[in-house]
Amino acid sequence: MEKAVMQNAGVNLYENYFESCADSANVLQCYRYPSSEVMCPASKVSFSIESNPKIAVAYSHCKYQLREGNVTCPFMWDI
């Protein structure tokens, strides 16, 4: 048991290992919910890296109990 505890204590989980590396990010494309009237959070994101790459997003409605019969379908984008 002591050996297992010592192995788990061998790595400092709270140490900053990459302090010398500069943070960087590049936004190449932005995909938005097609309706400008309603903002819906994404509930599931999936992607395909085959010959024709795609991103598929399923959206959820915060007030789904109040929605009438019009259900929004998930959207797919070619990337």
Protein backbone atom coordinates (compact mmCIF):
# COMPACT_ATOMS: atom_id res chain seq x y z
CA MET A 1 0.00 0.00 0.00
CA GLU A 2 2.80 2.43 0.88
CA LYS A 3 4.38 1.93 -2.56
CA ALA A 4 1.13 2.95 -4.31
CA VAL A 5 0.78 6.06 -2.14
CA MET A 6 4.38 7.10 -2.85
CA GLN A 7 3.87 6.66 -6.61
CA ASN A 8 0.80 8.89 -6.55
CA ALA A 9 2.70 11.52 -4.57
CA GLY A 10 5.53 11.50 -7.13
CA VAL A 11 3.87 14.13 -9.38
CA ASN A 12 3.02 17.59 -8.10
CA LEU A 13 -0.47 18.17 -9.54
CA TYR A 14 -0.42 21.87 -8.67
CA GLU A 15 2.92 22.74 -10.25
CA ASN A 16 2.90 24.95 -13.34
CA TYR A 17 4.92 22.89 -15.80
CA PHE A 18 4.68 25.25 -18.79
CA GLU A 19 5.19 28.72 -17.29
CA SER A 20 7.91 29.58 -19.81
CA CYS A 21 5.62 28.86 -22.79
CA ALA A 22 3.61 31.80 -24.10
CA ASP A 23 -0.16 31.37 -24.39
CA SER A 24 -1.45 31.54 -27.93
CA ALA A 25 -4.66 30.83 -29.80
CA ASN A 26 -5.81 31.47 -33.35
CA VAL A 27 -9.48 31.62 -34.35
CA LEU A 28 -9.73 30.46 -37.94
CA GLN A 29 -13.49 30.11 -38.34
CA CYS A 30 -16.54 30.78 -36.21
CA TYR A 31 -19.72 28.72 -36.52
CA ARG A 32 -22.85 30.27 -35.00
CA TYR A 33 -26.42 29.20 -34.38
CA PRO A 34 -28.27 30.22 -37.58
CA SER A 35 -31.08 32.14 -35.84
CA SER A 36 -30.14 35.66 -34.79
CA GLU A 37 -33.28 35.95 -32.63
CA VAL A 38 -32.58 33.09 -30.22
CA MET A 39 -29.33 32.12 -28.51
CA CYS A 40 -29.21 28.40 -27.75
CA PRO A 41 -26.39 26.64 -25.91
CA ALA A 42 -24.72 23.69 -27.64
CA SER A 43 -25.40 20.42 -25.83
CA LYS A 44 -23.26 18.11 -28.00
CA VAL A 45 -20.47 18.73 -30.51
CA SER A 46 -19.14 16.03 -32.80
CA PHE A 47 -16.75 16.10 -35.73
CA SER A 48 -15.56 13.90 -38.57
CA ILE A 49 -12.03 14.00 -40.02
CA GLU A 50 -12.72 11.87 -43.08
CA SER A 51 -12.23 13.05 -46.68
CA ASN A 52 -15.09 15.57 -46.30
CA PRO A 53 -14.66 16.89 -42.71
CA LYS A 54 -17.78 18.09 -40.90
CA ILE A 55 -18.82 19.49 -37.54
CA ALA A 56 -22.22 18.51 -36.12
CA VAL A 57 -23.79 20.44 -33.25
CA ALA A 58 -26.95 19.63 -31.28
CA TYR A 59 -28.48 22.60 -29.48
CA SER A 60 -30.61 22.66 -26.36
CA HIS A 61 -33.22 25.17 -25.29
CA CYS A 62 -33.07 26.57 -21.77
CA LYS A 63 -36.87 26.78 -21.57
CA TYR A 64 -37.78 23.62 -23.45
CA GLN A 65 -40.99 23.11 -21.46
CA LEU A 66 -42.35 26.40 -22.81
CA ARG A 67 -41.59 25.63 -26.45
CA GLU A 68 -44.47 24.80 -28.71
CA GLY A 69 -44.24 22.11 -31.39
CA ASN A 70 -41.33 23.62 -33.35
CA VAL A 71 -38.24 21.60 -32.46
CA THR A 72 -34.91 22.77 -33.84
CA CYS A 73 -32.85 20.14 -35.63
CA PRO A 74 -29.12 19.78 -35.13
CA PHE A 75 -26.89 21.57 -37.62
CA MET A 76 -23.93 20.31 -39.67
CA TRP A 77 -21.19 22.42 -41.25
CA ASP A 78 -18.54 21.49 -43.82
CA ILE A 79 -15.12 22.55 -42.62
